[in-house]
Protein backbone atom coordinates (compact mmCIF):
# COMPACT_ATOMS: atom_id res chain seq x y z
CA MET A 1 93.06 100.30 61.05
CA ARG A 2 89.60 100.53 61.48
CA GLU A 3 87.61 101.25 58.37
CA ARG A 4 85.42 104.88 57.49
CA GLY A 5 82.34 104.34 58.82
CA ALA A 6 82.58 101.23 61.52
CA VAL A 7 80.91 101.80 64.70
CA SER A 8 83.27 102.38 67.20
CA GLU A 9 83.83 99.67 70.15
CA PRO A 10 82.26 101.22 73.72
CA VAL A 11 84.95 102.53 75.74
CA PRO A 12 85.23 101.28 79.29
CA VAL A 13 84.64 103.73 81.80
CA GLY A 14 86.68 103.19 84.86
CA HIS A 15 88.66 100.13 86.39
CA PRO A 16 87.38 96.88 85.07
CA GLY A 17 85.26 95.18 88.04
CA VAL A 18 85.48 98.51 90.22
CA GLY A 19 83.81 101.18 88.41
CA ARG A 20 84.83 104.82 88.31
CA VAL A 21 87.98 105.62 91.19
CA LEU A 22 89.10 108.48 92.50
CA VAL A 23 92.90 108.65 93.90
CA VAL A 24 92.52 111.14 96.70
CA ILE A 25 96.03 112.20 97.61
CA PRO A 26 96.58 115.14 100.58
CA THR A 27 99.21 117.19 100.10
CA TYR A 28 101.10 119.75 102.65
CA ASN A 29 104.46 121.04 101.55
CA GLU A 30 105.05 118.15 98.70
CA ALA A 31 106.33 119.85 95.90
CA GLU A 32 109.45 117.54 95.71
CA ASN A 33 107.01 114.39 95.60
CA LEU A 34 103.84 114.97 93.67
CA PRO A 35 104.99 115.11 90.35
CA ASP A 36 106.69 111.93 90.21
CA VAL A 37 103.77 109.98 92.24
CA VAL A 38 101.05 111.39 90.04
CA ALA A 39 103.14 110.57 86.73
CA ARG A 40 103.49 106.69 88.59
CA VAL A 41 99.71 106.22 89.46
CA ARG A 42 98.99 107.60 85.57
CA ALA A 43 101.48 104.94 84.77
CA ALA A 44 100.42 102.27 86.73
CA ALA A 45 96.12 102.74 86.82
CA PRO A 46 95.53 104.56 83.54
CA ALA A 47 91.67 104.71 83.85
CA VAL A 48 91.65 106.21 87.42
CA ASP A 49 90.93 109.98 88.19
CA ILE A 50 93.38 111.67 90.91
CA LEU A 51 92.31 114.36 93.38
CA VAL A 52 95.48 116.24 94.68
CA ALA A 53 93.54 117.80 98.17
CA ASP A 54 96.14 120.99 98.90
CA ASP A 55 96.21 122.81 102.40
CA ASN A 56 97.76 126.07 100.84
CA SER A 57 101.25 124.39 101.20
CA PRO A 58 103.01 127.50 101.19
CA ASP A 59 105.57 125.57 98.83
CA GLY A 60 103.73 126.29 95.76
CA THR A 61 102.34 122.33 95.62
CA GLY A 62 98.92 123.55 94.84
CA VAL A 63 100.44 125.55 92.12
CA ILE A 64 101.84 122.49 90.61
CA ALA A 65 99.00 120.26 91.31
CA GLU A 66 97.21 122.79 89.03
CA ALA A 67 99.53 122.50 86.43
CA MET A 68 99.53 119.04 85.92
CA ALA A 69 95.48 119.30 86.22
CA ALA A 70 95.50 121.84 83.15
CA THR A 71 97.46 119.35 80.86
CA ASP A 72 95.60 116.02 82.21
CA PRO A 73 92.00 115.79 82.45
CA HIS A 74 92.40 112.74 84.86
CA VAL A 75 93.70 115.17 87.57
CA ASP A 76 92.12 117.55 89.71
CA VAL A 77 92.68 119.70 92.41
CA LEU A 78 90.85 120.61 96.03
CA HIS A 79 91.85 123.72 97.60
CA ARG A 80 91.39 123.68 100.98
CA PRO A 81 92.35 126.99 102.92
CA ALA A 82 94.67 125.68 105.65
CA LYS A 83 96.24 122.96 107.27
CA GLU A 84 93.43 121.10 109.03
CA GLY A 85 95.42 117.47 109.01
CA LEU A 86 95.06 114.49 107.09
CA GLY A 87 91.63 113.44 108.27
CA ALA A 88 89.82 116.28 107.44
CA ALA A 89 91.53 116.64 103.73
CA TYR A 90 90.39 112.89 102.96
CA LEU A 91 87.09 113.91 104.33
CA ALA A 92 86.96 116.70 101.70
CA GLY A 93 87.77 114.35 99.63
CA PHE A 94 85.53 111.39 100.48
CA ALA A 95 82.62 113.73 99.72
CA TRP A 96 84.45 115.00 96.45
CA ALA A 97 84.27 111.85 95.22
CA ARG A 98 80.39 111.08 95.91
CA ARG A 99 79.23 114.56 94.59
CA ARG A 100 80.47 113.34 91.07
CA GLY A 101 79.47 109.29 91.09
CA TYR A 102 82.93 107.71 91.77
CA ASP A 103 82.22 103.89 92.84
CA ALA A 104 85.53 103.72 94.56
CA VAL A 105 87.91 105.92 96.57
CA VAL A 106 91.59 105.33 97.29
CA GLU A 107 94.11 107.13 99.61
CA MET A 108 97.52 107.27 98.92
CA ASP A 109 99.99 109.39 100.39
CA ALA A 110 101.57 112.06 98.04
CA ASP A 111 105.43 111.66 99.71
CA GLY A 112 106.11 107.99 97.68
CA SER A 113 105.83 105.78 100.74
CA HIS A 114 103.05 104.50 98.88
CA ALA A 115 103.84 102.52 95.36
CA PRO A 116 101.62 103.53 92.84
CA GLU A 117 102.28 100.49 91.37
CA ASP A 118 100.93 98.50 94.29
CA LEU A 119 97.61 100.27 92.75
CA PRO A 120 96.39 97.80 90.31
CA ALA A 121 96.48 95.06 93.10
CA LEU A 122 94.81 97.06 95.52
CA LEU A 123 91.60 97.37 92.55
CA ALA A 124 91.82 93.70 91.83
CA ALA A 125 90.94 93.22 95.08
CA ALA A 126 88.46 95.94 95.58
CA ARG A 127 86.34 93.44 93.05
CA ASP A 128 85.43 91.40 95.56
CA ALA A 129 85.67 93.58 98.86
CA ASP A 130 83.89 96.79 100.41
CA VAL A 131 87.50 98.39 101.87
CA VAL A 132 91.02 97.24 100.94
CA ILE A 133 93.85 97.72 103.11
CA GLY A 134 97.40 97.88 101.48
CA SER A 135 99.14 96.38 104.51
CA ARG A 136 102.59 96.66 105.64
CA TRP A 137 102.18 93.77 107.97
CA THR A 138 100.38 90.67 106.35
CA ARG A 139 102.56 87.82 104.82
CA GLY A 140 104.22 89.29 101.26
CA ALA A 141 104.33 92.70 102.35
CA ARG A 142 108.02 94.40 102.75
CA VAL A 143 108.98 97.54 104.94
CA LEU A 144 111.95 99.66 103.46
CA ASN A 145 114.31 101.95 104.89
CA TRP A 146 112.50 102.63 108.20
CA PRO A 147 114.27 102.68 111.58
CA LEU A 148 113.82 100.29 113.98
CA ARG A 149 112.46 102.96 116.31
CA ARG A 150 109.44 103.43 113.46
CA LEU A 151 109.20 99.45 112.78
CA LEU A 152 108.35 98.63 116.40
CA LEU A 153 106.16 101.97 116.90
CA SER A 154 103.75 100.62 113.79
CA ARG A 155 103.80 96.75 115.61
CA CYS A 156 103.32 97.64 118.45
CA GLY A 157 100.62 100.01 117.75
CA ASN A 158 98.99 97.88 115.48
CA LEU A 159 98.56 95.01 117.85
CA TYR A 160 97.38 97.39 120.26
CA ALA A 161 94.23 98.82 117.86
CA ARG A 162 93.70 95.07 117.14
CA LEU A 163 93.41 93.72 121.00
CA ALA A 164 91.88 96.87 121.97
CA LEU A 165 88.66 97.23 118.98
CA GLY A 166 88.54 93.47 118.61
CA MET A 167 89.40 94.14 114.63
CA PRO A 168 90.98 91.26 112.85
CA VAL A 169 93.26 93.87 111.00
CA SER A 170 96.80 93.75 111.12
CA ASP A 171 97.62 96.88 109.43
CA ALA A 172 94.64 99.22 111.34
CA THR A 173 96.99 102.42 110.83
CA GLY A 174 98.04 101.68 107.46
CA GLY A 175 97.15 104.76 105.07
CA TYR A 176 97.03 102.78 101.37
CA ARG A 177 93.20 101.91 101.31
CA VAL A 178 90.29 101.63 98.09
CA TYR A 179 86.86 101.94 100.21
CA ARG A 180 83.84 101.44 97.67
CA SER A 181 81.39 104.24 97.95
CA THR A 182 78.83 101.94 99.48
CA ALA A 183 81.12 101.07 102.47
CA LEU A 184 81.67 104.60 102.96
CA THR A 185 78.16 105.48 103.65
CA ALA A 186 77.49 101.91 105.41
CA MET A 187 80.47 104.09 107.70
CA GLN A 188 78.66 106.75 108.76
CA LEU A 189 81.38 109.02 108.76
CA GLU A 190 79.90 111.92 109.86
CA SER A 191 81.23 110.42 113.42
CA VAL A 192 84.42 110.83 112.66
CA CYS A 193 86.06 112.93 115.03
CA SER A 194 90.10 111.70 114.67
CA GLN A 195 93.13 113.48 112.74
CA GLY A 196 96.61 112.12 111.59
CA TYR A 197 97.31 108.84 113.25
CA SER A 198 94.57 107.78 114.70
CA PHE A 199 92.37 108.61 111.60
CA GLN A 200 92.95 105.63 109.90
CA VAL A 201 92.25 103.33 112.88
CA GLU A 202 88.93 105.54 112.96
CA LEU A 203 88.19 104.16 109.83
CA SER A 204 88.91 100.83 110.51
CA ARG A 205 86.42 100.62 113.24
CA LEU A 206 83.86 101.92 111.22
CA ALA A 207 84.03 99.55 108.80
CA HIS A 208 84.50 96.71 111.20
CA ARG A 209 81.29 97.71 113.01
CA ALA A 210 79.74 98.63 109.53
CA GLY A 211 80.08 94.90 108.92
CA VAL A 212 81.63 95.53 105.32
CA ARG A 213 83.89 93.12 103.74
CA ILE A 214 87.43 93.78 104.81
CA VAL A 215 90.33 92.51 102.62
CA GLU A 216 94.30 93.42 102.93
CA VAL A 217 96.82 93.16 100.49
CA PRO A 218 100.64 93.22 100.72
CA ILE A 219 102.57 96.05 99.79
CA THR A 220 105.86 97.33 99.57
CA PHE A 221 106.33 100.66 101.89
CA VAL A 222 109.56 102.52 101.23
CA GLU A 223 110.49 105.26 103.48
CA ARG A 224 109.93 108.57 101.89
CA GLU A 225 113.39 109.91 100.62
CA ARG A 226 112.07 113.58 100.20
CA GLY A 227 110.84 116.33 102.16
CA ALA A 228 109.70 116.09 106.11
CA SER A 229 107.66 113.01 107.75
CA LYS A 230 104.64 114.84 109.08
CA MET A 231 104.79 112.33 112.24
CA SER A 232 105.21 113.76 115.56
CA PRO A 233 104.74 112.25 119.33
CA LEU A 234 101.60 114.35 119.81
CA ILE A 235 100.10 112.10 116.87
CA VAL A 236 101.33 109.02 118.12
CA ALA A 237 99.77 110.35 121.74
CA GLU A 238 96.59 111.18 120.05
CA ALA A 239 96.30 107.90 118.76
CA LEU A 240 96.75 105.79 121.46
CA TRP A 241 94.10 108.18 123.99
CA ARG A 242 91.56 107.24 120.79
CA ILE A 243 92.08 103.86 120.61
CA THR A 244 91.64 103.12 124.51
CA THR A 245 88.95 105.51 124.39
CA TRP A 246 87.29 103.65 121.52
CA GLY A 247 87.69 100.00 123.16
CA LEU A 248 86.58 101.29 126.56
CA ARG A 249 83.48 102.49 125.12
CA ASP A 250 82.93 99.61 123.11
CA ARG A 251 83.34 96.98 126.08
CA ARG A 252 80.77 99.14 128.14
CA ALA A 253 78.19 99.01 125.34
CA GLY A 254 78.67 95.31 124.84
CA ALA A 255 80.10 95.75 121.17
CA TRP A 256 83.44 94.30 121.74
CA SER A 257 83.86 90.47 121.57
CA GLY A 258 86.37 89.63 119.27
CA ARG A 259 83.90 87.42 117.13
CA ARG A 260 84.09 87.75 113.51
CA VAL A 261 81.13 88.42 111.40
CA ALA A 262 79.85 85.52 109.54
CA GLY A 263 80.50 85.67 105.89
CA ARG A 264 82.24 89.35 106.12
CA TRP A 265 85.77 88.16 106.97
CA PRO A 266 88.49 86.18 104.84
């Protein structure tokens, strides 16, 4: 027990070696999943803060998020007027974090597919990197309960993105990530134009073109157990069209070469 009058030791702010960290969790009709995900994040990484970016969910997800925020100072809620897509929700969360001086921002799905228990490993990697991708397709990763069709779609989509855009990233579509705030500034997010499946590819491309240091950390990815997936053929078609367009544009501009940026890629 500390003696009365003793000088208190300073309380560390943020995650060691990374600083103040905000986990952005976009939601639309995730009332069944959100409480469990938030509780697991708080247990896995108690020093981080959480922002639930809710797109006016009709199932009451926003109300549930507000109830959690009322009892936990590490939780905040960003209420958005309507469903505008994953990309718009993340961009709003990034802007919210930067206005409040966070040093790093984490992307995490609300459906439980991104295990909060993997977050400490991603944050540890962020000590020496600008962008950390929780990868499903690097050595040591596991994907559980996905049907063969989804496995092939993701594998082939990532291979196509890697070849078309010349990026040494095995999981360009993965949505479990850590971004240093300095990296987000260098990536010039005002140019982002995509939503859904292609949003993560576009951010991978911007990070690669900005020359920031990117590392991939293996994760365990689990198919959602509750609620409906937001994936659709239209989202996949948008991704393929945008990746092709970016690839052709980069080639015309002479930017595509497949070379590694010296000192940037592990």
